[in-house]
Amino acid sequence: MKKFAFITALLLCLSAFSACGDTDDGGSSKKSSSKSSPAYEANDDDDIEKTTDDEEVTTEEITTEEKTTEEITTEAATEAPTEAKEDISFVRGRTENNSYISEYANFRFDADADWTYATEEQMLKLMGIATSQTGTKDEIDKLIADQAVIYDAHVIKNDGQKNVIFMFENVRKEGADPDALNAESFLQILQLNLNKSPDEEYGNYSEIKSFNIGSDEYKYFTTTNDSSAAGTLYQTYACKKVDDYYFGIIYTSAQDDFSSITGNFSTIK
């Protein structure tokens, strides 16, 4: 039961990861809603429970560079792009030999032997793509690439105490200009959305810091989630920009130990 509550708490937070939201042509905020993701047990492919809570998140309108951190520091972060651009061709990552590999993000995660990856069926359900969907692999991949938020892989330690999701958010599809954002402002907007989550209790935000995987710089922060039946959980959100996307790493643990997992990260080249 504690393991199931732990995984559920992580997946309920995913709808808040959509950081940018839609905006109109005048730069004023629109509300966007997203459904929380279904929860699952790593070792039981059939034990999938959908949740139905809807939550609304809005991006704060930015007006000057002298705003506080909570108000974000750039107006352009919430402005719709002035020109429509052709979408960058997204390439999915893959899992093999207990590793998640994304050439597109230049990223690799080598899981220890006591970690288990979600199945392809479970990842499709996270994105609301019916598992009964018929079509070729290319057609399914196109459906995935059309998502504003793509859950690429989910890996869980078998004792239920640690959990990592790798995902991509296309901020242009969310209504923002990716060239006007940086990783820090993206995470600041994410913090605002986490604070607005009606069913989750986030707090104790760390400063936004940096770490490197090879020559690739990531920004990250850690927060606590006290709304889970499993007790206080520590969640770290890390990201870097890749074309129109922000590649995100969400790490959830019963301990504040994000540094313990970074040794499993590496680059492809």
Protein backbone atom coordinates (compact mmCIF):
# COMPACT_ATOMS: atom_id res chain seq x y z
CA MET A 1 0.00 0.00 0.00
CA LYS A 2 2.81 2.43 0.86
CA LYS A 3 4.46 1.67 -2.47
CA PHE A 4 1.24 2.33 -4.37
CA ALA A 5 0.68 5.63 -2.51
CA PHE A 6 4.25 6.66 -3.30
CA ILE A 7 3.84 6.07 -7.03
CA THR A 8 0.40 7.72 -7.08
CA ALA A 9 1.76 10.86 -5.45
CA LEU A 10 4.47 11.15 -8.09
CA LEU A 11 2.11 10.72 -11.01
CA LEU A 12 -0.44 13.17 -9.64
CA CYS A 13 2.24 15.86 -9.75
CA LEU A 14 2.92 15.35 -13.46
CA SER A 15 0.03 17.52 -14.62
CA ALA A 16 1.74 20.45 -12.90
CA PHE A 17 4.92 19.89 -14.92
CA SER A 18 3.29 21.56 -17.92
CA ALA A 19 4.97 24.85 -17.16
CA CYS A 20 3.91 27.33 -19.81
CA GLY A 21 0.20 27.04 -20.54
CA ASP A 22 -1.64 28.68 -23.43
CA THR A 23 -1.59 32.41 -24.05
CA ASP A 24 -3.51 34.62 -26.43
CA ASP A 25 -1.99 36.93 -29.01
CA GLY A 26 -1.95 39.83 -26.58
CA GLY A 27 0.19 37.97 -24.11
CA SER A 28 -2.56 37.65 -21.47
CA SER A 29 -2.90 34.33 -19.71
CA LYS A 30 -5.44 31.70 -20.64
CA LYS A 31 -6.28 28.78 -18.41
CA SER A 32 -5.21 25.34 -19.44
CA SER A 33 -6.35 22.13 -17.79
CA SER A 34 -4.86 18.69 -17.79
CA LYS A 35 -5.88 15.40 -16.29
CA SER A 36 -3.74 13.67 -13.77
CA SER A 37 -1.99 10.56 -15.00
CA PRO A 38 -2.95 6.99 -14.17
CA ALA A 39 -0.92 5.29 -11.47
CA TYR A 40 0.62 1.86 -11.81
CA GLU A 41 2.77 -0.66 -10.01
CA ALA A 42 6.15 -1.27 -11.61
CA ASN A 43 5.92 -5.04 -11.25
CA ASP A 44 2.26 -5.54 -12.17
CA ASP A 45 1.39 -4.49 -15.70
CA ASP A 46 -2.33 -5.05 -15.12
CA ASP A 47 -2.60 -2.98 -11.93
CA ILE A 48 -3.43 0.35 -13.54
CA GLU A 49 -5.74 2.85 -11.91
CA LYS A 50 -6.87 6.03 -13.63
CA THR A 51 -7.45 9.20 -11.67
CA THR A 52 -9.97 11.84 -12.68
CA ASP A 53 -8.93 14.98 -10.84
CA ASP A 54 -8.71 17.97 -13.15
CA GLU A 55 -6.58 20.92 -12.22
CA GLU A 56 -6.25 24.34 -13.79
CA VAL A 57 -2.93 26.07 -14.03
CA THR A 58 -2.22 29.53 -15.36
CA THR A 59 1.03 31.23 -16.23
CA GLU A 60 1.59 34.59 -14.56
CA GLU A 61 1.78 37.55 -16.93
CA ILE A 62 5.23 39.10 -16.84
CA THR A 63 5.65 42.84 -17.26
CA THR A 64 9.18 43.89 -16.24
CA GLU A 65 12.62 42.52 -15.55
CA GLU A 66 12.36 43.77 -11.94
CA LYS A 67 9.75 41.26 -10.79
CA THR A 68 10.40 38.91 -7.91
CA THR A 69 11.36 35.29 -8.50
CA GLU A 70 7.79 34.14 -7.84
CA GLU A 71 6.50 36.49 -10.54
CA ILE A 72 9.23 35.35 -12.95
CA THR A 73 11.67 37.68 -14.65
CA THR A 74 10.75 37.73 -18.31
CA GLU A 75 7.61 38.85 -20.10
CA ALA A 76 8.50 36.84 -23.15
CA ALA A 77 8.12 33.59 -21.22
CA THR A 78 4.34 33.84 -21.50
CA GLU A 79 3.96 35.49 -24.88
CA ALA A 80 2.73 33.45 -27.80
CA PRO A 81 5.25 33.12 -30.64
CA THR A 82 4.88 35.86 -33.21
CA GLU A 83 5.57 33.50 -36.09
CA ALA A 84 4.43 29.96 -36.62
CA LYS A 85 7.40 27.69 -37.04
CA GLU A 86 7.56 24.16 -38.29
CA ASP A 87 7.79 21.70 -35.42
CA ILE A 88 11.17 20.21 -34.73
CA SER A 89 11.17 16.50 -35.52
CA PHE A 90 11.07 14.72 -32.17
CA VAL A 91 12.84 11.38 -31.76
CA ARG A 92 11.80 9.08 -28.93
CA GLY A 93 14.25 7.51 -26.55
CA ARG A 94 14.45 3.78 -25.94
CA THR A 95 15.11 1.34 -23.13
CA GLU A 96 17.55 -1.51 -23.52
CA ASN A 97 19.50 -3.64 -21.04
CA ASN A 98 17.92 -1.69 -18.14
CA SER A 99 19.08 1.63 -19.58
CA TYR A 100 17.10 4.59 -20.93
CA ILE A 101 18.85 6.12 -23.94
CA SER A 102 17.83 9.33 -25.71
CA GLU A 103 20.05 10.41 -28.58
CA TYR A 104 17.74 13.40 -29.07
CA ALA A 105 18.48 14.67 -25.55
CA ASN A 106 22.07 13.36 -25.56
CA PHE A 107 21.22 11.53 -22.35
CA ARG A 108 21.57 8.06 -20.87
CA PHE A 109 20.34 6.61 -17.57
CA ASP A 110 21.77 3.27 -16.48
CA ALA A 111 19.43 1.79 -13.89
CA ASP A 112 20.69 -0.62 -11.27
CA ALA A 113 19.46 -4.20 -11.40
CA ASP A 114 16.77 -3.58 -8.78
CA TRP A 115 14.93 -0.97 -10.90
CA THR A 116 12.06 -1.71 -13.32
CA TYR A 117 10.90 0.29 -16.35
CA ALA A 118 7.27 0.91 -17.19
CA THR A 119 5.98 -0.94 -20.22
CA GLU A 120 5.20 0.74 -23.53
CA GLU A 121 1.49 0.23 -22.81
CA GLN A 122 1.81 2.05 -19.50
CA MET A 123 3.69 4.96 -21.08
CA LEU A 124 1.01 5.32 -23.76
CA LYS A 125 -1.66 5.43 -21.06
CA LEU A 126 0.22 8.20 -19.29
CA MET A 127 -0.14 10.24 -22.49
CA GLY A 128 -3.80 9.34 -22.98
CA ILE A 129 -3.11 7.25 -26.07
CA ALA A 130 -5.41 4.23 -26.19
CA THR A 131 -3.56 0.94 -26.02
CA SER A 132 -6.09 -0.44 -28.49
CA GLN A 133 -4.89 2.15 -31.02
CA THR A 134 -4.23 0.42 -34.31
CA GLY A 135 -1.51 1.56 -36.63
CA THR A 136 2.10 1.14 -37.51
CA LYS A 137 4.94 2.05 -35.20
CA ASP A 138 5.51 5.21 -37.25
CA GLU A 139 1.87 6.20 -36.80
CA ILE A 140 2.03 5.63 -33.04
CA ASP A 141 5.28 7.59 -32.87
CA LYS A 142 3.61 10.49 -34.70
CA LEU A 143 0.75 10.47 -32.18
CA ILE A 144 3.34 10.70 -29.41
CA ALA A 145 5.31 13.46 -31.14
CA ASP A 146 2.09 15.49 -31.47
CA GLN A 147 1.74 15.62 -27.66
CA ALA A 148 2.69 18.86 -25.93
CA VAL A 149 4.05 16.79 -23.03
CA ILE A 150 5.72 13.48 -23.83
CA TYR A 151 6.45 10.94 -21.11
CA ASP A 152 9.37 9.06 -22.60
CA ALA A 153 10.29 6.61 -19.81
CA HIS A 154 9.43 5.83 -16.19
CA VAL A 155 11.65 3.67 -13.99
CA ILE A 156 10.95 2.60 -10.40
CA LYS A 157 13.15 1.04 -7.76
CA ASN A 158 11.56 -2.26 -6.82
CA ASP A 159 11.23 -1.36 -3.14
CA GLY A 160 9.08 1.61 -4.12
CA GLN A 161 11.37 4.19 -2.51
CA LYS A 162 12.76 5.88 -5.63
CA ASN A 163 11.23 6.80 -8.95
CA VAL A 164 12.39 8.68 -12.08
CA ILE A 165 10.45 9.99 -15.06
CA PHE A 166 12.08 11.29 -18.24
CA MET A 167 9.92 13.58 -20.33
CA PHE A 168 9.83 16.32 -22.95
CA GLU A 169 7.63 19.41 -23.02
CA ASN A 170 7.16 21.28 -26.29
CA VAL A 171 6.78 24.83 -25.01
CA ARG A 172 5.78 26.13 -28.45
CA LYS A 173 2.77 23.79 -28.37
CA GLU A 174 2.06 25.14 -24.88
CA GLY A 175 1.80 28.66 -26.32
CA ALA A 176 5.21 30.10 -25.40
CA ASP A 177 8.19 31.12 -27.49
CA PRO A 178 10.99 28.66 -26.65
CA ASP A 179 13.61 31.23 -27.67
CA ALA A 180 12.33 33.60 -24.97
CA LEU A 181 12.68 31.05 -22.18
CA ASN A 182 15.67 29.61 -20.43
CA ALA A 183 15.87 26.61 -18.12
CA GLU A 184 15.73 28.75 -14.97
CA SER A 185 12.63 30.70 -16.01
CA PHE A 186 11.00 27.44 -17.13
CA LEU A 187 11.53 26.01 -13.64
CA GLN A 188 10.29 29.22 -11.98
CA ILE A 189 7.01 28.93 -13.89
CA LEU A 190 6.84 25.28 -12.89
CA GLN A 191 7.13 26.27 -9.21
CA LEU A 192 4.17 28.61 -9.63
CA ASN A 193 2.11 25.77 -11.08
CA LEU A 194 3.11 23.39 -8.31
CA ASN A 195 1.95 25.95 -5.75
CA LYS A 196 -1.45 26.09 -7.48
CA SER A 197 -1.96 22.33 -7.43
CA PRO A 198 -5.23 21.89 -5.47
CA ASP A 199 -4.56 18.38 -4.16
CA GLU A 200 -0.82 18.54 -3.48
CA GLU A 201 1.13 20.28 -0.72
CA TYR A 202 4.51 21.49 -1.98
CA GLY A 203 7.00 23.45 0.07
CA ASN A 204 10.62 23.87 1.14
CA TYR A 205 11.79 24.80 -2.35
CA SER A 206 15.54 24.82 -2.77
CA GLU A 207 17.29 27.44 -4.85
CA ILE A 208 17.51 26.70 -8.55
CA LYS A 209 20.96 25.22 -9.03
CA SER A 210 23.06 23.79 -11.86
CA PHE A 211 24.77 20.50 -12.53
CA ASN A 212 26.47 19.10 -15.59
CA ILE A 213 26.22 15.80 -17.40
CA GLY A 214 29.32 15.88 -19.57
CA SER A 215 29.26 19.34 -21.15
CA ASP A 216 25.44 19.63 -20.93
CA GLU A 217 24.20 21.99 -18.21
CA TYR A 218 20.96 21.26 -16.37
CA LYS A 219 19.03 23.46 -13.96
CA TYR A 220 17.16 21.88 -11.05
CA PHE A 221 15.40 22.42 -7.75
CA THR A 222 14.08 20.13 -5.02
CA THR A 223 10.78 20.47 -3.17
CA THR A 224 8.85 18.44 -0.62
CA ASN A 225 5.40 16.96 -1.14
CA ASP A 226 3.57 16.33 2.13
CA SER A 227 0.21 15.27 0.72
CA SER A 228 1.03 11.61 0.16
CA ALA A 229 -0.14 8.76 2.36
CA ALA A 230 3.47 7.58 2.15
CA GLY A 231 4.59 10.63 4.14
CA THR A 232 6.94 13.39 3.01
CA LEU A 233 8.40 12.84 -0.44
CA TYR A 234 11.29 14.75 -1.97
CA GLN A 235 10.87 15.66 -5.64
CA THR A 236 13.62 17.07 -7.81
CA TYR A 237 12.85 18.67 -11.18
CA ALA A 238 15.76 19.07 -13.59
CA CYS A 239 15.72 20.25 -17.19
CA LYS A 240 17.64 21.52 -20.19
CA LYS A 241 16.51 22.97 -23.52
CA VAL A 242 16.49 20.78 -26.64
CA ASP A 243 15.17 22.58 -29.74
CA ASP A 244 11.55 23.58 -28.96
CA TYR A 245 11.49 21.19 -26.00
CA TYR A 246 12.58 21.14 -22.41
CA PHE A 247 13.92 17.72 -21.52
CA GLY A 248 12.86 17.04 -17.95
CA ILE A 249 13.97 14.64 -15.24
CA ILE A 250 11.58 14.17 -12.31
CA TYR A 251 13.15 12.28 -9.41
CA THR A 252 11.03 11.29 -6.41
CA SER A 253 12.45 9.69 -3.29
CA ALA A 254 11.64 9.12 0.35
CA GLN A 255 14.98 10.84 1.07
CA ASP A 256 16.55 14.10 -0.11
CA ASP A 257 19.20 12.29 -2.14
CA PHE A 258 19.11 13.50 -5.73
CA SER A 259 22.92 13.51 -5.83
CA SER A 260 22.89 9.75 -5.30
CA ILE A 261 21.19 9.18 -8.65
CA THR A 262 23.21 11.57 -10.82
CA GLY A 263 26.03 9.05 -11.02
CA ASN A 264 23.70 6.96 -13.19
CA PHE A 265 23.44 9.81 -15.74
CA SER A 266 25.73 10.19 -18.73
CA THR A 267 25.78 11.61 -22.24
CA ILE A 268 25.63 9.69 -25.51
CA LYS A 269 28.43 11.68 -27.14
